[in-house]
């Protein structure tokens, strides 16, 4: 893409295959009959920073910031599913998510490092609320009011981050990993 084009980007932690399998199976069971749209298995991730539409010329600097922060992080980050939660408004719609516990604080430290590096580039502005580790599993126009239990509370060991391109289209967004980086170098 030319340097003057724009691209929708976000940085995230990639879920390992066994976690993707577990979340997808849980969605099929726990969210069956929900009026919203289940997030496809291939789109499940833990967002570190959503950048939105950025000039394509910034891609290299953004990727380098993610690589550097990932290299400085521990080799693996343990997260644990805590609960299901819905957020959003009647006007803009919302999401259902699995909120994750970050027992060592390593994921939060990585998110803050990535966000700080991206801010220094002028490519990101932090939200006012603190970062919340979660996996979005459902998108809806109005709150579903669901309260399913998160059955599997086993730890998820995350070992890679990725810079994703988000392409909007009919049936929802498609996420493509443009670059990945191992945690801990």
C-alpha atoms as a PDB file:
ATOM      1  CA  UNK A   1       0.000   0.000   0.000  1.00  0.00           C
ATOM      2  CA  UNK A   2       1.268   3.466  -0.823  1.00  0.00           C
ATOM      3  CA  UNK A   3       2.478   5.652   2.036  1.00  0.00           C
ATOM      4  CA  UNK A   4      -0.422   8.082   1.605  1.00  0.00           C
ATOM      5  CA  UNK A   5      -3.141   5.387   1.777  1.00  0.00           C
ATOM      6  CA  UNK A   6      -4.916   4.584   5.034  1.00  0.00           C
ATOM      7  CA  UNK A   7      -5.235   1.292   6.842  1.00  0.00           C
ATOM      8  CA  UNK A   8      -7.227   0.254   9.955  1.00  0.00           C
ATOM      9  CA  UNK A   9      -4.828  -1.214  12.507  1.00  0.00           C
ATOM     10  CA  UNK A  10      -4.682  -2.682  15.979  1.00  0.00           C
ATOM     11  CA  UNK A  11      -2.083  -4.449  18.119  1.00  0.00           C
ATOM     12  CA  UNK A  12      -3.109  -7.585  19.978  1.00  0.00           C
ATOM     13  CA  UNK A  13      -2.046 -10.734  21.750  1.00  0.00           C
ATOM     14  CA  UNK A  14      -2.687 -13.870  19.705  1.00  0.00           C
ATOM     15  CA  UNK A  15      -4.515 -16.687  21.437  1.00  0.00           C
ATOM     16  CA  UNK A  16      -2.928 -20.150  21.177  1.00  0.00           C
ATOM     17  CA  UNK A  17      -4.784 -22.797  19.147  1.00  0.00           C
ATOM     18  CA  UNK A  18      -6.117 -24.685  22.194  1.00  0.00           C
ATOM     19  CA  UNK A  19      -7.551 -21.456  23.633  1.00  0.00           C
ATOM     20  CA  UNK A  20      -9.147 -20.602  20.273  1.00  0.00           C
ATOM     21  CA  UNK A  21     -10.726 -24.070  20.194  1.00  0.00           C
ATOM     22  CA  UNK A  22     -12.010 -23.689  23.758  1.00  0.00           C
ATOM     23  CA  UNK A  23     -13.474 -20.210  23.248  1.00  0.00           C
ATOM     24  CA  UNK A  24     -15.133 -21.204  19.947  1.00  0.00           C
ATOM     25  CA  UNK A  25     -16.712 -24.272  21.579  1.00  0.00           C
ATOM     26  CA  UNK A  26     -17.887 -22.160  24.534  1.00  0.00           C
ATOM     27  CA  UNK A  27     -19.434 -19.582  22.151  1.00  0.00           C
ATOM     28  CA  UNK A  28     -21.408 -22.301  20.333  1.00  0.00           C
ATOM     29  CA  UNK A  29     -22.803 -23.599  23.634  1.00  0.00           C
ATOM     30  CA  UNK A  30     -23.101 -20.576  25.937  1.00  0.00           C
ATOM     31  CA  UNK A  31     -24.154 -18.004  23.337  1.00  0.00           C
ATOM     32  CA  UNK A  32     -26.476 -20.217  21.279  1.00  0.00           C
ATOM     33  CA  UNK A  33     -29.571 -18.241  20.339  1.00  0.00           C
ATOM     34  CA  UNK A  34     -28.021 -14.831  20.963  1.00  0.00           C
ATOM     35  CA  UNK A  35     -29.357 -12.191  18.550  1.00  0.00           C
ATOM     36  CA  UNK A  36     -25.895 -10.792  17.949  1.00  0.00           C
ATOM     37  CA  UNK A  37     -23.093 -12.011  15.723  1.00  0.00           C
ATOM     38  CA  UNK A  38     -20.528 -14.408  17.181  1.00  0.00           C
ATOM     39  CA  UNK A  39     -16.953 -13.298  16.593  1.00  0.00           C
ATOM     40  CA  UNK A  40     -15.391 -15.908  14.266  1.00  0.00           C
ATOM     41  CA  UNK A  41     -12.646 -18.132  15.681  1.00  0.00           C
ATOM     42  CA  UNK A  42     -10.059 -16.499  13.406  1.00  0.00           C
ATOM     43  CA  UNK A  43     -10.884 -13.035  14.794  1.00  0.00           C
ATOM     44  CA  UNK A  44     -10.531 -13.893  18.497  1.00  0.00           C
ATOM     45  CA  UNK A  45      -7.670 -11.993  20.166  1.00  0.00           C
ATOM     46  CA  UNK A  46      -6.779  -9.743  23.121  1.00  0.00           C
ATOM     47  CA  UNK A  47      -6.472  -6.131  21.950  1.00  0.00           C
ATOM     48  CA  UNK A  48      -3.489  -4.197  23.296  1.00  0.00           C
ATOM     49  CA  UNK A  49      -4.164  -0.970  21.360  1.00  0.00           C
ATOM     50  CA  UNK A  50      -6.727  -0.104  18.669  1.00  0.00           C
ATOM     51  CA  UNK A  51      -5.252   2.533  16.378  1.00  0.00           C
ATOM     52  CA  UNK A  52      -8.095   2.897  13.881  1.00  0.00           C
ATOM     53  CA  UNK A  53      -7.399   4.363  10.459  1.00  0.00           C
ATOM     54  CA  UNK A  54      -3.723   5.297  10.102  1.00  0.00           C
ATOM     55  CA  UNK A  55      -1.571   6.412   7.177  1.00  0.00           C
ATOM     56  CA  UNK A  56       0.082   3.367   5.601  1.00  0.00           C
ATOM     57  CA  UNK A  57       3.428   5.162   5.845  1.00  0.00           C
ATOM     58  CA  UNK A  58       3.290   4.702   9.644  1.00  0.00           C
ATOM     59  CA  UNK A  59       3.122   0.913   9.359  1.00  0.00           C
ATOM     60  CA  UNK A  60       6.873   0.342   9.795  1.00  0.00           C
ATOM     61  CA  UNK A  61       7.146   2.459  12.935  1.00  0.00           C
ATOM     62  CA  UNK A  62       4.047   0.875  14.456  1.00  0.00           C
ATOM     63  CA  UNK A  63       5.375  -2.625  13.752  1.00  0.00           C
ATOM     64  CA  UNK A  64       8.736  -1.718  15.279  1.00  0.00           C
ATOM     65  CA  UNK A  65       7.048  -0.348  18.421  1.00  0.00           C
ATOM     66  CA  UNK A  66       5.108  -3.620  18.823  1.00  0.00           C
ATOM     67  CA  UNK A  67       8.253  -5.729  18.211  1.00  0.00           C
ATOM     68  CA  UNK A  68      10.250  -3.750  20.799  1.00  0.00           C
ATOM     69  CA  UNK A  69       7.536  -3.920  23.464  1.00  0.00           C
ATOM     70  CA  UNK A  70       7.022  -7.646  22.812  1.00  0.00           C
ATOM     71  CA  UNK A  71      10.761  -8.334  23.086  1.00  0.00           C
ATOM     72  CA  UNK A  72      10.822  -6.544  26.467  1.00  0.00           C
ATOM     73  CA  UNK A  73       7.881  -8.620  27.798  1.00  0.00           C
ATOM     74  CA  UNK A  74       8.185 -11.991  29.558  1.00  0.00           C
ATOM     75  CA  UNK A  75       8.413 -15.060  27.268  1.00  0.00           C
ATOM     76  CA  UNK A  76       4.868 -16.103  28.078  1.00  0.00           C
ATOM     77  CA  UNK A  77       1.988 -14.296  29.738  1.00  0.00           C
ATOM     78  CA  UNK A  78      -0.586 -16.212  31.761  1.00  0.00           C
ATOM     79  CA  UNK A  79      -4.188 -15.024  31.713  1.00  0.00           C
ATOM     80  CA  UNK A  80      -7.292 -16.629  33.232  1.00  0.00           C
ATOM     81  CA  UNK A  81     -10.925 -16.318  32.144  1.00  0.00           C
ATOM     82  CA  UNK A  82     -12.969 -14.639  34.896  1.00  0.00           C
ATOM     83  CA  UNK A  83     -16.463 -13.820  33.629  1.00  0.00           C
ATOM     84  CA  UNK A  84     -18.671 -12.829  30.722  1.00  0.00           C
ATOM     85  CA  UNK A  85     -19.563  -9.143  30.430  1.00  0.00           C
ATOM     86  CA  UNK A  86     -21.563  -7.007  28.004  1.00  0.00           C
ATOM     87  CA  UNK A  87     -20.821  -3.372  27.201  1.00  0.00           C
ATOM     88  CA  UNK A  88     -22.189  -0.797  24.808  1.00  0.00           C
ATOM     89  CA  UNK A  89     -25.109   1.521  24.293  1.00  0.00           C
ATOM     90  CA  UNK A  90     -28.510   1.360  22.656  1.00  0.00           C
ATOM     91  CA  UNK A  91     -27.304   3.805  20.000  1.00  0.00           C
ATOM     92  CA  UNK A  92     -23.995   2.289  18.933  1.00  0.00           C
ATOM     93  CA  UNK A  93     -24.446  -1.367  19.795  1.00  0.00           C
ATOM     94  CA  UNK A  94     -22.089  -3.308  21.951  1.00  0.00           C
ATOM     95  CA  UNK A  95     -20.049  -6.390  22.592  1.00  0.00           C
ATOM     96  CA  UNK A  96     -20.025  -9.465  24.773  1.00  0.00           C
ATOM     97  CA  UNK A  97     -16.611 -10.371  26.133  1.00  0.00           C
ATOM     98  CA  UNK A  98     -14.760 -12.811  28.306  1.00  0.00           C
ATOM     99  CA  UNK A  99     -12.911 -10.706  30.875  1.00  0.00           C
ATOM    100  CA  UNK A 100      -9.492 -12.105  31.743  1.00  0.00           C
ATOM    101  CA  UNK A 101      -7.510 -11.959  34.957  1.00  0.00           C
ATOM    102  CA  UNK A 102      -3.884 -10.851  34.632  1.00  0.00           C
ATOM    103  CA  UNK A 103      -2.469 -12.336  37.871  1.00  0.00           C
ATOM    104  CA  UNK A 104       1.134 -11.209  37.371  1.00  0.00           C
ATOM    105  CA  UNK A 105       0.312  -7.887  35.690  1.00  0.00           C
ATOM    106  CA  UNK A 106       2.541  -8.825  32.723  1.00  0.00           C
ATOM    107  CA  UNK A 107      -0.201  -8.357  30.118  1.00  0.00           C
ATOM    108  CA  UNK A 108      -1.115  -4.964  31.558  1.00  0.00           C
ATOM    109  CA  UNK A 109       2.550  -3.912  31.567  1.00  0.00           C
ATOM    110  CA  UNK A 110       2.869  -4.998  27.919  1.00  0.00           C
ATOM    111  CA  UNK A 111      -0.291  -3.079  26.938  1.00  0.00           C
ATOM    112  CA  UNK A 112       1.026   0.046  28.683  1.00  0.00           C
ATOM    113  CA  UNK A 113       4.420  -0.335  26.992  1.00  0.00           C
ATOM    114  CA  UNK A 114       2.862  -0.766  23.531  1.00  0.00           C
ATOM    115  CA  UNK A 115       0.497   2.163  24.090  1.00  0.00           C
ATOM    116  CA  UNK A 116       3.323   4.403  25.349  1.00  0.00           C
ATOM    117  CA  UNK A 117       5.515   3.606  22.346  1.00  0.00           C
ATOM    118  CA  UNK A 118       2.617   4.239  19.953  1.00  0.00           C
ATOM    119  CA  UNK A 119       1.813   7.532  21.690  1.00  0.00           C
ATOM    120  CA  UNK A 120       5.437   8.599  21.260  1.00  0.00           C
ATOM    121  CA  UNK A 121       5.013   8.003  17.507  1.00  0.00           C
ATOM    122  CA  UNK A 122       1.827  10.077  17.468  1.00  0.00           C
ATOM    123  CA  UNK A 123      -0.113   7.034  16.256  1.00  0.00           C
ATOM    124  CA  UNK A 124      -2.253   6.430  19.355  1.00  0.00           C
ATOM    125  CA  UNK A 125      -4.022   8.161  22.222  1.00  0.00           C
ATOM    126  CA  UNK A 126      -4.779   6.194  25.387  1.00  0.00           C
ATOM    127  CA  UNK A 127      -8.337   5.795  26.594  1.00  0.00           C
ATOM    128  CA  UNK A 128      -9.288   7.407  29.897  1.00  0.00           C
ATOM    129  CA  UNK A 129     -10.241   4.094  31.437  1.00  0.00           C
ATOM    130  CA  UNK A 130      -7.581   1.527  32.312  1.00  0.00           C
ATOM    131  CA  UNK A 131      -6.829  -1.291  29.863  1.00  0.00           C
ATOM    132  CA  UNK A 132      -8.973  -4.390  30.454  1.00  0.00           C
ATOM    133  CA  UNK A 133      -7.707  -7.741  29.206  1.00  0.00           C
ATOM    134  CA  UNK A 134     -10.590  -9.451  27.390  1.00  0.00           C
ATOM    135  CA  UNK A 135     -11.621 -11.463  24.350  1.00  0.00           C
ATOM    136  CA  UNK A 136     -14.604 -10.086  22.410  1.00  0.00           C
ATOM    137  CA  UNK A 137     -16.874 -13.039  21.588  1.00  0.00           C
ATOM    138  CA  UNK A 138     -20.163 -11.397  20.504  1.00  0.00           C
ATOM    139  CA  UNK A 139     -21.225  -8.181  18.723  1.00  0.00           C
ATOM    140  CA  UNK A 140     -24.798  -6.890  18.923  1.00  0.00           C
ATOM    141  CA  UNK A 141     -27.026  -3.900  18.178  1.00  0.00           C
ATOM    142  CA  UNK A 142     -28.627  -3.867  21.635  1.00  0.00           C
ATOM    143  CA  UNK A 143     -27.595  -5.557  24.850  1.00  0.00           C
ATOM    144  CA  UNK A 144     -28.399  -9.226  24.986  1.00  0.00           C
ATOM    145  CA  UNK A 145     -28.516  -9.291  28.792  1.00  0.00           C
ATOM    146  CA  UNK A 146     -26.822 -12.682  28.791  1.00  0.00           C
ATOM    147  CA  UNK A 147     -25.047 -14.008  31.871  1.00  0.00           C
ATOM    148  CA  UNK A 148     -23.417 -17.280  30.845  1.00  0.00           C
ATOM    149  CA  UNK A 149     -20.838 -18.858  33.106  1.00  0.00           C
ATOM    150  CA  UNK A 150     -17.300 -19.117  31.804  1.00  0.00           C
ATOM    151  CA  UNK A 151     -16.850 -22.848  32.176  1.00  0.00           C
ATOM    152  CA  UNK A 152     -13.115 -23.201  31.607  1.00  0.00           C
ATOM    153  CA  UNK A 153     -11.041 -21.190  34.064  1.00  0.00           C
ATOM    154  CA  UNK A 154      -7.717 -22.723  33.008  1.00  0.00           C
ATOM    155  CA  UNK A 155      -4.816 -20.400  32.355  1.00  0.00           C
ATOM    156  CA  UNK A 156      -4.127 -19.265  28.820  1.00  0.00           C
ATOM    157  CA  UNK A 157      -0.430 -18.889  28.035  1.00  0.00           C
ATOM    158  CA  UNK A 158       0.021 -16.207  25.375  1.00  0.00           C
ATOM    159  CA  UNK A 159       3.398 -16.166  23.597  1.00  0.00           C
ATOM    160  CA  UNK A 160       2.916 -13.907  20.526  1.00  0.00           C
ATOM    161  CA  UNK A 161       1.665 -10.460  19.670  1.00  0.00           C
ATOM    162  CA  UNK A 162       0.512  -9.280  16.257  1.00  0.00           C
ATOM    163  CA  UNK A 163      -0.143  -6.138  14.275  1.00  0.00           C
ATOM    164  CA  UNK A 164      -3.492  -6.641  12.556  1.00  0.00           C
ATOM    165  CA  UNK A 165      -5.218  -4.964   9.644  1.00  0.00           C
ATOM    166  CA  UNK A 166      -8.987  -4.724  10.083  1.00  0.00           C
ATOM    167  CA  UNK A 167     -10.966  -4.793   6.824  1.00  0.00           C
ATOM    168  CA  UNK A 168     -14.646  -3.937   7.144  1.00  0.00           C
ATOM    169  CA  UNK A 169     -17.151  -5.702   4.927  1.00  0.00           C
ATOM    170  CA  UNK A 170     -20.530  -7.387   4.760  1.00  0.00           C
ATOM    171  CA  UNK A 171     -20.868  -9.881   7.572  1.00  0.00           C
ATOM    172  CA  UNK A 172     -18.359  -8.104   9.811  1.00  0.00           C
ATOM    173  CA  UNK A 173     -14.671  -7.307   9.915  1.00  0.00           C
ATOM    174  CA  UNK A 174     -11.840  -9.522   8.746  1.00  0.00           C
ATOM    175  CA  UNK A 175      -8.550  -9.392  10.653  1.00  0.00           C
ATOM    176  CA  UNK A 176      -5.238 -10.159   8.977  1.00  0.00           C
ATOM    177  CA  UNK A 177      -1.973 -10.383  10.921  1.00  0.00           C
ATOM    178  CA  UNK A 178       0.533  -8.194   9.090  1.00  0.00           C
ATOM    179  CA  UNK A 179       3.358  -9.046  11.455  1.00  0.00           C
ATOM    180  CA  UNK A 180       3.810 -11.160  14.591  1.00  0.00           C
ATOM    181  CA  UNK A 181       6.381 -10.986  17.360  1.00  0.00           C
ATOM    182  CA  UNK A 182       7.412 -13.473  20.016  1.00  0.00           C
ATOM    183  CA  UNK A 183       7.041 -12.285  23.595  1.00  0.00           C
ATOM    184  CA  UNK A 184      10.392 -12.116  25.356  1.00  0.00           C
ATOM    185  CA  UNK A 185      12.262 -11.830  22.065  1.00  0.00           C
END
